[in-house]
Amino acid sequence: MFASIKSWWAGFQSRHPELSKFTMFLLLSNGVTVLQLALMPLFRWGFATFTDLTDVGFQVLPVGSNIDGSQYYMFDYAAGPLPGGGGGLAYFLAVQITLLIAQVLNFFLQRNITFKSNTSIWVAAMWYTIAYIVITFIAAAAQGFYKAPIYEFFMDTLGWGSTGSVVADVITMIINSAISFWVFYPIFKVIFRQVPVSVEVADDTVDSASR
């Protein structure tokens, strides 16, 4: 059965090279997202249980005002547990560590499996890191609009308490992953290129073997 699937996939790749890449990108991205969904609540619980970082505010990069006139921060993690507070430094670290682990795995999986890139891994890693930093800022700015309402809805409005907090963790991580998904694919097509082996190099190899 595995051989049949492998044979079918090889044929699908040759007939639809771009669609097959996007399909594999989608499958691997979803797998990494599942890992994020598992790690995010775990890290958040660990920081909240074994440290006092929930009570340490992390509000940096003020970029304007909220509708009520209060300061809007790109990274807005006010001290105190959600939904009343912003989760503090504990929430910030849980999010960022989870994203870092996921993106490192995603880099190698997409480079080696989806795009089968043979260009410099160091150059690709440099551009990937730049893209990751930019997307982190974009996702953080967007999170300021939806994080608090989502936690308030599931924890207070529905009255789910700690269960609502876990559900909100999952939803916010899915939103973060969706932002990364649609931004990263065109970037990957650029930095994970396949450079054809030059005919000259191939000829030299043949000549050397025949001597």
N, C-alpha and C. Protein backbone atom coordinates (compact mmCIF):
# COMPACT_ATOMS: atom_id res chain seq x y z
N MET A 1 0.83 -1.21 0.00
CA MET A 1 0.00 0.00 0.00
C MET A 1 0.87 1.26 0.00
N PHE A 2 1.92 1.24 0.84
CA PHE A 2 2.81 2.39 0.91
C PHE A 2 3.49 2.63 -0.43
N ALA A 3 3.88 1.52 -1.10
CA ALA A 3 4.53 1.64 -2.40
C ALA A 3 3.58 2.24 -3.43
N SER A 4 2.29 1.87 -3.35
CA SER A 4 1.30 2.40 -4.28
C SER A 4 1.11 3.91 -4.08
N ILE A 5 1.04 4.30 -2.80
CA ILE A 5 0.88 5.73 -2.49
C ILE A 5 2.10 6.51 -2.97
N LYS A 6 3.29 5.95 -2.73
CA LYS A 6 4.53 6.60 -3.16
C LYS A 6 4.58 6.75 -4.66
N SER A 7 4.15 5.72 -5.38
CA SER A 7 4.14 5.76 -6.84
C SER A 7 3.13 6.78 -7.35
N TRP A 8 1.95 6.81 -6.72
CA TRP A 8 0.93 7.78 -7.12
C TRP A 8 1.41 9.20 -6.88
N TRP A 9 2.07 9.43 -5.73
CA TRP A 9 2.54 10.77 -5.40
C TRP A 9 3.64 11.21 -6.36
N ALA A 10 4.51 10.30 -6.76
CA ALA A 10 5.57 10.63 -7.72
C ALA A 10 4.96 11.06 -9.05
N GLY A 11 3.93 10.35 -9.47
CA GLY A 11 3.24 10.73 -10.71
C GLY A 11 2.53 12.07 -10.58
N PHE A 12 1.91 12.29 -9.43
CA PHE A 12 1.21 13.55 -9.18
C PHE A 12 2.19 14.72 -9.20
N GLN A 13 3.39 14.52 -8.63
CA GLN A 13 4.40 15.56 -8.61
C GLN A 13 4.87 15.92 -10.01
N SER A 14 5.04 14.91 -10.87
CA SER A 14 5.50 15.18 -12.23
C SER A 14 4.42 15.86 -13.07
N ARG A 15 3.15 15.52 -12.82
CA ARG A 15 2.05 16.14 -13.57
C ARG A 15 1.70 17.52 -13.06
N HIS A 16 1.78 17.70 -11.72
CA HIS A 16 1.37 18.98 -11.11
C HIS A 16 2.45 19.43 -10.13
N PRO A 17 3.59 19.91 -10.62
CA PRO A 17 4.70 20.26 -9.71
C PRO A 17 4.36 21.34 -8.70
N GLU A 18 3.68 22.40 -9.13
CA GLU A 18 3.36 23.49 -8.20
C GLU A 18 2.28 23.09 -7.22
N LEU A 19 1.25 22.41 -7.70
CA LEU A 19 0.17 21.97 -6.82
C LEU A 19 0.68 20.97 -5.79
N SER A 20 1.59 20.09 -6.20
CA SER A 20 2.13 19.10 -5.26
C SER A 20 2.95 19.78 -4.17
N LYS A 21 3.69 20.83 -4.55
CA LYS A 21 4.46 21.58 -3.54
C LYS A 21 3.53 22.25 -2.55
N PHE A 22 2.47 22.87 -3.07
CA PHE A 22 1.54 23.55 -2.17
C PHE A 22 0.83 22.55 -1.26
N THR A 23 0.49 21.38 -1.81
CA THR A 23 -0.17 20.34 -1.00
C THR A 23 0.74 19.87 0.13
N MET A 24 2.02 19.62 -0.20
CA MET A 24 2.96 19.18 0.83
C MET A 24 3.19 20.29 1.85
N PHE A 25 3.29 21.54 1.37
CA PHE A 25 3.43 22.68 2.27
C PHE A 25 2.26 22.74 3.24
N LEU A 26 1.05 22.52 2.70
CA LEU A 26 -0.15 22.54 3.53
C LEU A 26 -0.13 21.44 4.58
N LEU A 27 0.25 20.24 4.18
CA LEU A 27 0.27 19.11 5.12
C LEU A 27 1.30 19.32 6.23
N LEU A 28 2.51 19.75 5.85
CA LEU A 28 3.55 19.96 6.85
C LEU A 28 3.21 21.13 7.77
N SER A 29 2.64 22.19 7.20
CA SER A 29 2.25 23.36 8.01
C SER A 29 1.19 22.97 9.04
N ASN A 30 0.22 22.15 8.61
CA ASN A 30 -0.81 21.71 9.55
C ASN A 30 -0.23 20.83 10.64
N GLY A 31 0.76 20.00 10.27
CA GLY A 31 1.41 19.18 11.29
C GLY A 31 2.14 20.02 12.32
N VAL A 32 2.84 21.06 11.85
CA VAL A 32 3.53 21.97 12.76
C VAL A 32 2.52 22.73 13.61
N THR A 33 1.38 23.09 13.03
CA THR A 33 0.35 23.79 13.78
C THR A 33 -0.19 22.92 14.92
N VAL A 34 -0.37 21.63 14.66
CA VAL A 34 -0.83 20.71 15.71
C VAL A 34 0.18 20.69 16.86
N LEU A 35 1.46 20.69 16.51
CA LEU A 35 2.50 20.73 17.54
C LEU A 35 2.40 22.02 18.35
N GLN A 36 2.16 23.14 17.68
CA GLN A 36 2.01 24.41 18.38
C GLN A 36 0.81 24.38 19.33
N LEU A 37 -0.28 23.79 18.87
CA LEU A 37 -1.48 23.70 19.70
C LEU A 37 -1.23 22.89 20.97
N ALA A 38 -0.33 21.92 20.88
CA ALA A 38 0.00 21.12 22.05
C ALA A 38 0.97 21.84 22.98
N LEU A 39 1.94 22.56 22.40
CA LEU A 39 2.99 23.17 23.20
C LEU A 39 2.55 24.47 23.89
N MET A 40 1.74 25.27 23.19
CA MET A 40 1.38 26.58 23.72
C MET A 40 0.73 26.51 25.12
N PRO A 41 -0.34 25.72 25.31
CA PRO A 41 -0.93 25.62 26.66
C PRO A 41 0.05 25.04 27.68
N LEU A 42 0.90 24.11 27.22
CA LEU A 42 1.85 23.47 28.13
C LEU A 42 2.87 24.48 28.65
N PHE A 43 3.45 25.27 27.75
CA PHE A 43 4.41 26.29 28.17
C PHE A 43 3.73 27.34 29.06
N ARG A 44 2.54 27.73 28.67
CA ARG A 44 1.83 28.76 29.44
C ARG A 44 1.53 28.26 30.85
N TRP A 45 1.11 27.01 30.96
CA TRP A 45 0.84 26.42 32.27
C TRP A 45 2.13 26.36 33.08
N GLY A 46 3.23 25.94 32.45
CA GLY A 46 4.50 25.83 33.16
C GLY A 46 4.97 27.16 33.71
N PHE A 47 4.93 28.21 32.89
CA PHE A 47 5.36 29.53 33.35
C PHE A 47 4.44 30.06 34.45
N ALA A 48 3.13 29.82 34.28
CA ALA A 48 2.17 30.33 35.27
C ALA A 48 2.27 29.57 36.59
N THR A 49 2.60 28.27 36.53
CA THR A 49 2.63 27.44 37.72
C THR A 49 3.94 27.56 38.50
N PHE A 50 5.05 27.59 37.77
CA PHE A 50 6.35 27.51 38.43
C PHE A 50 7.13 28.83 38.48
N THR A 51 6.55 29.89 37.92
CA THR A 51 7.20 31.20 37.98
C THR A 51 6.17 32.26 38.34
N ASP A 52 6.67 33.46 38.61
CA ASP A 52 5.78 34.60 38.87
C ASP A 52 5.68 35.53 37.67
N LEU A 53 6.01 35.01 36.48
CA LEU A 53 6.09 35.85 35.29
C LEU A 53 4.73 36.36 34.81
N THR A 54 3.65 35.70 35.25
CA THR A 54 2.32 36.20 34.89
C THR A 54 2.10 37.59 35.47
N ASP A 55 2.72 37.87 36.60
CA ASP A 55 2.55 39.16 37.26
C ASP A 55 3.58 40.20 36.80
N VAL A 56 4.40 39.83 35.83
CA VAL A 56 5.38 40.76 35.27
C VAL A 56 4.88 41.23 33.91
N GLY A 57 4.52 42.50 33.81
CA GLY A 57 3.98 43.03 32.56
C GLY A 57 5.04 43.13 31.48
N PHE A 58 4.62 42.93 30.24
CA PHE A 58 5.51 43.10 29.09
C PHE A 58 4.73 43.86 28.02
N GLN A 59 4.84 45.18 28.06
CA GLN A 59 4.14 46.05 27.12
C GLN A 59 5.18 46.97 26.47
N VAL A 60 5.49 46.68 25.22
CA VAL A 60 6.54 47.43 24.53
C VAL A 60 6.08 47.85 23.14
N LEU A 61 6.79 48.81 22.58
CA LEU A 61 6.53 49.37 21.25
C LEU A 61 5.13 49.99 21.14
N PRO A 62 4.91 51.12 21.81
CA PRO A 62 3.63 51.83 21.68
C PRO A 62 3.45 52.34 20.25
N VAL A 63 2.31 52.05 19.64
CA VAL A 63 2.06 52.45 18.25
C VAL A 63 0.67 53.04 18.07
N GLY A 64 0.35 54.06 18.87
CA GLY A 64 -0.95 54.69 18.73
C GLY A 64 -1.84 54.43 19.92
N SER A 65 -3.16 54.58 19.69
CA SER A 65 -4.12 54.46 20.79
C SER A 65 -5.23 53.48 20.45
N ASN A 66 -5.79 52.88 21.50
CA ASN A 66 -6.98 52.06 21.34
C ASN A 66 -8.20 52.94 21.15
N ILE A 67 -9.34 52.31 20.89
CA ILE A 67 -10.57 53.08 20.69
C ILE A 67 -10.93 53.88 21.92
N ASP A 68 -10.64 53.34 23.11
CA ASP A 68 -10.97 54.04 24.35
C ASP A 68 -9.93 55.09 24.73
N GLY A 69 -8.93 55.28 23.89
CA GLY A 69 -7.92 56.30 24.15
C GLY A 69 -6.69 55.79 24.88
N SER A 70 -6.73 54.56 25.36
CA SER A 70 -5.57 54.00 26.07
C SER A 70 -4.45 53.66 25.08
N GLN A 71 -3.25 53.52 25.60
CA GLN A 71 -2.09 53.25 24.74
C GLN A 71 -2.19 51.87 24.10
N TYR A 72 -1.88 51.81 22.80
CA TYR A 72 -1.84 50.52 22.10
C TYR A 72 -0.39 50.09 21.95
N TYR A 73 -0.08 48.88 22.38
CA TYR A 73 1.27 48.34 22.29
C TYR A 73 1.30 47.22 21.25
N MET A 74 2.37 47.17 20.47
CA MET A 74 2.51 46.09 19.51
C MET A 74 2.64 44.76 20.24
N PHE A 75 3.43 44.75 21.32
CA PHE A 75 3.50 43.57 22.19
C PHE A 75 2.83 43.96 23.50
N ASP A 76 1.58 43.54 23.66
CA ASP A 76 0.77 43.99 24.79
C ASP A 76 0.42 42.82 25.70
N TYR A 77 1.25 42.61 26.71
CA TYR A 77 1.03 41.53 27.67
C TYR A 77 1.05 42.13 29.07
N ALA A 78 -0.06 42.76 29.42
CA ALA A 78 -0.16 43.39 30.73
C ALA A 78 -0.07 42.34 31.83
N ALA A 79 0.39 42.77 33.01
CA ALA A 79 0.50 41.86 34.14
C ALA A 79 -0.87 41.35 34.55
N GLY A 80 -0.89 40.11 35.05
CA GLY A 80 -2.14 39.52 35.54
C GLY A 80 -2.67 38.46 34.60
N PRO A 81 -3.38 37.48 35.15
CA PRO A 81 -3.94 36.40 34.33
C PRO A 81 -5.05 36.91 33.42
N LEU A 82 -5.21 36.24 32.29
CA LEU A 82 -6.30 36.54 31.37
C LEU A 82 -7.62 36.06 31.98
N PRO A 83 -8.76 36.71 31.65
CA PRO A 83 -8.88 37.78 30.67
C PRO A 83 -8.71 39.18 31.26
N GLY A 84 -8.64 39.29 32.60
CA GLY A 84 -8.50 40.61 33.20
C GLY A 84 -7.19 41.28 32.85
N GLY A 85 -6.10 40.51 32.91
CA GLY A 85 -4.79 41.01 32.51
C GLY A 85 -4.45 40.54 31.11
N GLY A 86 -3.16 40.61 30.78
CA GLY A 86 -2.74 40.18 29.45
C GLY A 86 -1.87 38.94 29.47
N GLY A 87 -1.76 38.30 30.64
CA GLY A 87 -0.94 37.10 30.73
C GLY A 87 0.50 37.36 31.12
N GLY A 88 0.90 38.65 31.05
CA GLY A 88 2.25 39.02 31.47
C GLY A 88 3.35 38.39 30.63
N LEU A 89 4.55 38.43 31.18
CA LEU A 89 5.71 37.88 30.49
C LEU A 89 5.57 36.38 30.28
N ALA A 90 4.81 35.71 31.12
CA ALA A 90 4.60 34.27 30.97
C ALA A 90 3.91 33.96 29.65
N TYR A 91 2.88 34.73 29.32
CA TYR A 91 2.16 34.50 28.06
C TYR A 91 3.05 34.82 26.87
N PHE A 92 3.79 35.93 26.96
CA PHE A 92 4.69 36.33 25.87
C PHE A 92 5.72 35.23 25.58
N LEU A 93 6.35 34.72 26.62
CA LEU A 93 7.37 33.68 26.43
C LEU A 93 6.76 32.39 25.90
N ALA A 94 5.57 32.04 26.39
CA ALA A 94 4.91 30.82 25.92
C ALA A 94 4.64 30.90 24.42
N VAL A 95 4.15 32.05 23.99
CA VAL A 95 3.86 32.24 22.56
C VAL A 95 5.13 32.20 21.73
N GLN A 96 6.14 32.96 22.15
CA GLN A 96 7.34 33.09 21.34
C GLN A 96 8.18 31.81 21.32
N ILE A 97 8.28 31.11 22.44
CA ILE A 97 9.03 29.85 22.45
C ILE A 97 8.34 28.81 21.57
N THR A 98 7.01 28.75 21.66
CA THR A 98 6.25 27.84 20.82
C THR A 98 6.47 28.14 19.34
N LEU A 99 6.38 29.42 18.98
CA LEU A 99 6.58 29.81 17.58
C LEU A 99 7.99 29.51 17.10
N LEU A 100 8.97 29.74 17.97
CA LEU A 100 10.36 29.50 17.59
C LEU A 100 10.60 28.02 17.30
N ILE A 101 10.13 27.15 18.18
CA ILE A 101 10.28 25.71 17.97
C ILE A 101 9.60 25.29 16.67
N ALA A 102 8.39 25.78 16.47
CA ALA A 102 7.62 25.42 15.27
C ALA A 102 8.31 25.89 14.00
N GLN A 103 8.84 27.12 14.03
CA GLN A 103 9.45 27.66 12.81
C GLN A 103 10.79 27.01 12.48
N VAL A 104 11.55 26.62 13.49
CA VAL A 104 12.80 25.90 13.23
C VAL A 104 12.49 24.55 12.56
N LEU A 105 11.51 23.83 13.09
CA LEU A 105 11.11 22.57 12.47
C LEU A 105 10.58 22.80 11.06
N ASN A 106 9.77 23.84 10.92
CA ASN A 106 9.16 24.14 9.62
C ASN A 106 10.22 24.45 8.57
N PHE A 107 11.28 25.14 8.99
CA PHE A 107 12.36 25.49 8.07
C PHE A 107 12.97 24.25 7.42
N PHE A 108 13.35 23.29 8.24
CA PHE A 108 14.01 22.10 7.71
C PHE A 108 13.04 21.20 6.94
N LEU A 109 11.80 21.08 7.44
CA LEU A 109 10.82 20.24 6.75
C LEU A 109 10.48 20.79 5.37
N GLN A 110 10.21 22.09 5.30
CA GLN A 110 9.83 22.68 4.03
C GLN A 110 11.00 22.71 3.05
N ARG A 111 12.19 23.01 3.57
CA ARG A 111 13.36 23.09 2.69
C ARG A 111 13.70 21.72 2.09
N ASN A 112 13.69 20.68 2.93
CA ASN A 112 14.16 19.37 2.49
C ASN A 112 13.08 18.51 1.84
N ILE A 113 11.82 18.68 2.26
CA ILE A 113 10.76 17.80 1.77
C ILE A 113 9.90 18.49 0.70
N THR A 114 9.40 19.68 1.01
CA THR A 114 8.49 20.34 0.08
C THR A 114 9.21 20.89 -1.15
N PHE A 115 10.25 21.69 -0.91
CA PHE A 115 10.90 22.38 -2.02
C PHE A 115 12.20 21.71 -2.48
N LYS A 116 12.71 20.77 -1.67
CA LYS A 116 13.95 20.05 -2.03
C LYS A 116 15.02 21.02 -2.52
N SER A 117 15.23 22.05 -1.74
CA SER A 117 16.16 23.11 -2.13
C SER A 117 17.61 22.64 -2.03
N ASN A 118 18.42 23.09 -3.00
CA ASN A 118 19.84 22.77 -2.98
C ASN A 118 20.71 24.03 -2.94
N THR A 119 20.08 25.16 -2.61
CA THR A 119 20.84 26.40 -2.46
C THR A 119 21.44 26.46 -1.05
N SER A 120 22.23 27.48 -0.79
CA SER A 120 22.91 27.61 0.50
C SER A 120 21.92 27.64 1.66
N ILE A 121 22.12 26.74 2.61
CA ILE A 121 21.23 26.70 3.76
C ILE A 121 21.41 27.93 4.64
N TRP A 122 22.62 28.50 4.64
CA TRP A 122 22.89 29.66 5.49
C TRP A 122 22.22 30.91 4.94
N VAL A 123 22.24 31.07 3.62
CA VAL A 123 21.55 32.20 3.01
C VAL A 123 20.04 32.08 3.22
N ALA A 124 19.53 30.86 3.03
CA ALA A 124 18.10 30.63 3.25
C ALA A 124 17.72 30.89 4.70
N ALA A 125 18.56 30.45 5.63
CA ALA A 125 18.29 30.66 7.05
C ALA A 125 18.29 32.14 7.40
N MET A 126 19.17 32.91 6.77
CA MET A 126 19.21 34.35 7.03
C MET A 126 17.91 35.01 6.61
N TRP A 127 17.45 34.72 5.37
CA TRP A 127 16.21 35.33 4.88
C TRP A 127 15.01 34.80 5.65
N TYR A 128 15.05 33.54 6.04
CA TYR A 128 13.96 32.96 6.83
C TYR A 128 13.85 33.66 8.18
N THR A 129 15.00 33.93 8.80
CA THR A 129 15.01 34.62 10.09
C THR A 129 14.45 36.03 9.98
N ILE A 130 14.84 36.73 8.91
CA ILE A 130 14.31 38.08 8.68
C ILE A 130 12.79 38.03 8.51
N ALA A 131 12.32 37.06 7.70
CA ALA A 131 10.88 36.92 7.48
C ALA A 131 10.16 36.57 8.78
N TYR A 132 10.78 35.69 9.57
CA TYR A 132 10.18 35.28 10.85
C TYR A 132 10.03 36.48 11.79
N ILE A 133 11.04 37.33 11.85
CA ILE A 133 10.98 38.52 12.72
C ILE A 133 9.88 39.46 12.26
N VAL A 134 9.80 39.70 10.94
CA VAL A 134 8.78 40.60 10.40
C VAL A 134 7.38 40.06 10.69
N ILE A 135 7.19 38.76 10.45
CA ILE A 135 5.88 38.15 10.67
C ILE A 135 5.53 38.15 12.16
N THR A 136 6.53 37.99 13.02
CA THR A 136 6.28 38.05 14.47
C THR A 136 5.71 39.40 14.87
N PHE A 137 6.27 40.47 14.30
CA PHE A 137 5.77 41.80 14.61
C PHE A 137 4.35 41.99 14.06
N ILE A 138 4.12 41.52 12.84
CA ILE A 138 2.78 41.65 12.24
C ILE A 138 1.75 40.88 13.07
N ALA A 139 2.09 39.64 13.43
CA ALA A 139 1.17 38.81 14.21
C ALA A 139 0.92 39.42 15.59
N ALA A 140 1.97 39.99 16.19
CA ALA A 140 1.82 40.61 17.52
C ALA A 140 0.90 41.83 17.44
N ALA A 141 1.06 42.63 16.39
CA ALA A 141 0.21 43.81 16.22
C ALA A 141 -1.25 43.40 16.03
N ALA A 142 -1.47 42.33 15.25
CA ALA A 142 -2.84 41.86 15.02
C ALA A 142 -3.45 41.27 16.28
N GLN A 143 -2.60 40.61 17.09
CA GLN A 143 -3.09 39.95 18.31
C GLN A 143 -3.71 40.94 19.29
N GLY A 144 -3.24 42.17 19.24
CA GLY A 144 -3.80 43.18 20.14
C GLY A 144 -5.28 43.42 19.93
N PHE A 145 -5.78 43.08 18.74
CA PHE A 145 -7.19 43.31 18.43
C PHE A 145 -8.08 42.13 18.85
N TYR A 146 -7.55 40.92 18.79
CA TYR A 146 -8.43 39.77 18.99
C TYR A 146 -8.16 38.97 20.27
N LYS A 147 -6.96 39.10 20.87
CA LYS A 147 -6.62 38.23 22.01
C LYS A 147 -7.58 38.41 23.18
N ALA A 148 -7.69 39.63 23.69
CA ALA A 148 -8.52 39.87 24.88
C ALA A 148 -9.99 39.50 24.66
N PRO A 149 -10.63 39.89 23.54
CA PRO A 149 -12.03 39.50 23.33
C PRO A 149 -12.24 37.99 23.28
N ILE A 150 -11.29 37.27 22.68
CA ILE A 150 -11.44 35.81 22.59
C ILE A 150 -11.40 35.17 23.98
N TYR A 151 -10.42 35.57 24.78
CA TYR A 151 -10.32 35.01 26.14
C TYR A 151 -11.53 35.41 26.98
N GLU A 152 -11.97 36.64 26.85
CA GLU A 152 -13.12 37.10 27.64
C GLU A 152 -14.38 36.33 27.26
N PHE A 153 -14.52 36.06 25.95
CA PHE A 153 -15.72 35.34 25.49
C PHE A 153 -15.77 33.93 26.06
N PHE A 154 -14.66 33.20 25.95
CA PHE A 154 -14.67 31.80 26.36
C PHE A 154 -14.57 31.63 27.88
N MET A 155 -13.86 32.52 28.56
CA MET A 155 -13.68 32.36 30.00
C MET A 155 -14.81 32.99 30.81
N ASP A 156 -15.28 34.17 30.38
CA ASP A 156 -16.30 34.88 31.16
C ASP A 156 -17.69 34.77 30.56
N THR A 157 -17.83 35.12 29.29
CA THR A 157 -19.16 35.11 28.67
C THR A 157 -19.78 33.73 28.68
N LEU A 158 -18.98 32.72 28.28
CA LEU A 158 -19.48 31.34 28.31
C LEU A 158 -19.32 30.69 29.67
N GLY A 159 -18.51 31.32 30.53
CA GLY A 159 -18.31 30.79 31.88
C GLY A 159 -17.51 29.50 31.92
N TRP A 160 -16.58 29.31 30.97
CA TRP A 160 -15.82 28.08 30.90
C TRP A 160 -14.56 28.09 31.75
N GLY A 161 -14.19 29.23 32.28
CA GLY A 161 -13.04 29.30 33.18
C GLY A 161 -11.75 28.81 32.55
N SER A 162 -11.06 27.88 33.23
CA SER A 162 -9.77 27.38 32.75
C SER A 162 -9.91 26.62 31.43
N THR A 163 -11.05 25.94 31.24
CA THR A 163 -11.28 25.26 29.97
C THR A 163 -11.38 26.28 28.83
N GLY A 164 -12.05 27.38 29.10
CA GLY A 164 -12.16 28.45 28.11
C GLY A 164 -10.81 29.05 27.78
N SER A 165 -9.92 29.09 28.79
CA SER A 165 -8.57 29.60 28.55
C SER A 165 -7.80 28.71 27.57
N VAL A 166 -7.95 27.39 27.72
CA VAL A 166 -7.29 26.45 26.80
C VAL A 166 -7.86 26.59 25.40
N VAL A 167 -9.19 26.71 25.31
CA VAL A 167 -9.83 26.87 23.99
C VAL A 167 -9.35 28.16 23.34
N ALA A 168 -9.24 29.23 24.12
CA ALA A 168 -8.76 30.50 23.59
C ALA A 168 -7.30 30.40 23.16
N ASP A 169 -6.49 29.63 23.92
CA ASP A 169 -5.10 29.38 23.52
C ASP A 169 -5.06 28.77 22.11
N VAL A 170 -5.91 27.77 21.90
CA VAL A 170 -5.93 27.07 20.62
C VAL A 170 -6.33 28.01 19.50
N ILE A 171 -7.36 28.80 19.72
CA ILE A 171 -7.86 29.71 18.67
C ILE A 171 -6.83 30.77 18.33
N THR A 172 -6.20 31.37 19.33
CA THR A 172 -5.19 32.40 19.06
C THR A 172 -3.99 31.80 18.34
N MET A 173 -3.61 30.57 18.68
CA MET A 173 -2.49 29.94 18.00
C MET A 173 -2.85 29.60 16.56
N ILE A 174 -4.10 29.21 16.31
CA ILE A 174 -4.54 28.94 14.93
C ILE A 174 -4.49 30.21 14.10
N ILE A 175 -4.91 31.33 14.68
CA ILE A 175 -4.86 32.61 13.97
C ILE A 175 -3.41 32.98 13.66
N ASN A 176 -2.52 32.83 14.64
CA ASN A 176 -1.10 33.09 14.41
C ASN A 176 -0.54 32.21 13.29
N SER A 177 -0.93 30.95 13.31
CA SER A 177 -0.44 30.00 12.30
C SER A 177 -0.98 30.35 10.92
N ALA A 178 -2.23 30.80 10.86
CA ALA A 178 -2.82 31.17 9.58
C ALA A 178 -2.09 32.35 8.96
N ILE A 179 -1.73 33.33 9.80
CA ILE A 179 -0.97 34.49 9.31
C ILE A 179 0.36 34.03 8.74
N SER A 180 1.06 33.17 9.49
CA SER A 180 2.35 32.66 9.03
C SER A 180 2.21 31.85 7.75
N PHE A 181 1.15 31.04 7.68
CA PHE A 181 0.94 30.16 6.53
C PHE A 181 0.87 30.96 5.23
N TRP A 182 0.02 31.96 5.18
CA TRP A 182 -0.20 32.69 3.92
C TRP A 182 0.94 33.62 3.58
N VAL A 183 1.71 34.04 4.57
CA VAL A 183 2.85 34.92 4.29
C VAL A 183 4.08 34.12 3.89
N PHE A 184 4.28 32.96 4.52
CA PHE A 184 5.51 32.21 4.31
C PHE A 184 5.59 31.51 2.95
N TYR A 185 4.46 31.04 2.40
CA TYR A 185 4.54 30.25 1.17
C TYR A 185 5.23 30.99 0.04
N PRO A 186 4.83 32.23 -0.31
CA PRO A 186 5.57 32.93 -1.38
C PRO A 186 7.02 33.21 -1.02
N ILE A 187 7.31 33.40 0.27
CA ILE A 187 8.70 33.61 0.69
C ILE A 187 9.51 32.34 0.49
N PHE A 188 8.93 31.19 0.83
CA PHE A 188 9.61 29.91 0.65
C PHE A 188 9.95 29.66 -0.82
N LYS A 189 9.05 30.04 -1.72
CA LYS A 189 9.29 29.82 -3.15
C LYS A 189 10.52 30.58 -3.63
N VAL A 190 10.85 31.66 -2.93
CA VAL A 190 12.02 32.47 -3.30
C VAL A 190 13.29 31.94 -2.64
N ILE A 191 13.23 31.66 -1.34
CA ILE A 191 14.46 31.30 -0.63
C ILE A 191 14.79 29.82 -0.70
N PHE A 192 13.80 28.98 -1.03
CA PHE A 192 14.04 27.54 -1.14
C PHE A 192 14.01 27.12 -2.61
N ARG A 193 14.92 27.69 -3.39
CA ARG A 193 14.95 27.39 -4.82
C ARG A 193 15.74 26.12 -5.09
N GLN A 194 15.50 25.56 -6.27
CA GLN A 194 16.28 24.43 -6.77
C GLN A 194 17.13 24.94 -7.92
N VAL A 195 18.44 24.86 -7.77
CA VAL A 195 19.35 25.30 -8.83
C VAL A 195 19.77 24.07 -9.63
N PRO A 196 19.49 24.07 -10.94
CA PRO A 196 19.88 22.91 -11.76
C PRO A 196 21.39 22.68 -11.74
N VAL A 197 21.79 21.42 -11.70
CA VAL A 197 23.21 21.08 -11.77
C VAL A 197 23.69 21.41 -13.17
N SER A 198 24.77 22.18 -13.28
CA SER A 198 25.25 22.63 -14.58
C SER A 198 25.72 21.46 -15.43
N VAL A 199 25.52 21.60 -16.73
CA VAL A 199 25.92 20.56 -17.66
C VAL A 199 27.42 20.36 -17.61
N GLU A 200 28.16 21.48 -17.44
CA GLU A 200 29.60 21.40 -17.40
C GLU A 200 30.08 20.54 -16.25
N VAL A 201 29.47 20.73 -15.09
CA VAL A 201 29.85 19.95 -13.90
C VAL A 201 29.58 18.48 -14.13
N ALA A 202 28.41 18.20 -14.73
CA ALA A 202 28.04 16.81 -15.00
C ALA A 202 29.01 16.17 -15.97
N ASP A 203 29.41 16.93 -17.04
CA ASP A 203 30.35 16.40 -18.03
C ASP A 203 31.71 16.12 -17.41
N ASP A 204 32.17 17.05 -16.55
CA ASP A 204 33.45 16.85 -15.88
C ASP A 204 33.45 15.60 -15.02
N THR A 205 32.28 15.36 -14.38
CA THR A 205 32.17 14.17 -13.53
C THR A 205 32.28 12.90 -14.36
N VAL A 206 31.61 12.91 -15.54
CA VAL A 206 31.66 11.76 -16.43
C VAL A 206 33.07 11.53 -16.95
N ASP A 207 33.75 12.64 -17.35
CA ASP A 207 35.12 12.52 -17.86
C ASP A 207 36.06 11.95 -16.81
N SER A 208 35.89 12.43 -15.56
CA SER A 208 36.75 11.95 -14.49
C SER A 208 36.55 10.48 -14.23
N ALA A 209 35.31 10.03 -14.35
CA ALA A 209 35.00 8.63 -14.08
C ALA A 209 35.55 7.72 -15.18
N SER A 210 35.65 8.27 -16.42
CA SER A 210 36.09 7.43 -17.52
C SER A 210 37.61 7.30 -17.61
N ARG A 211 38.34 8.17 -16.86
CA ARG A 211 39.80 8.11 -16.92
C ARG A 211 40.32 6.92 -16.12
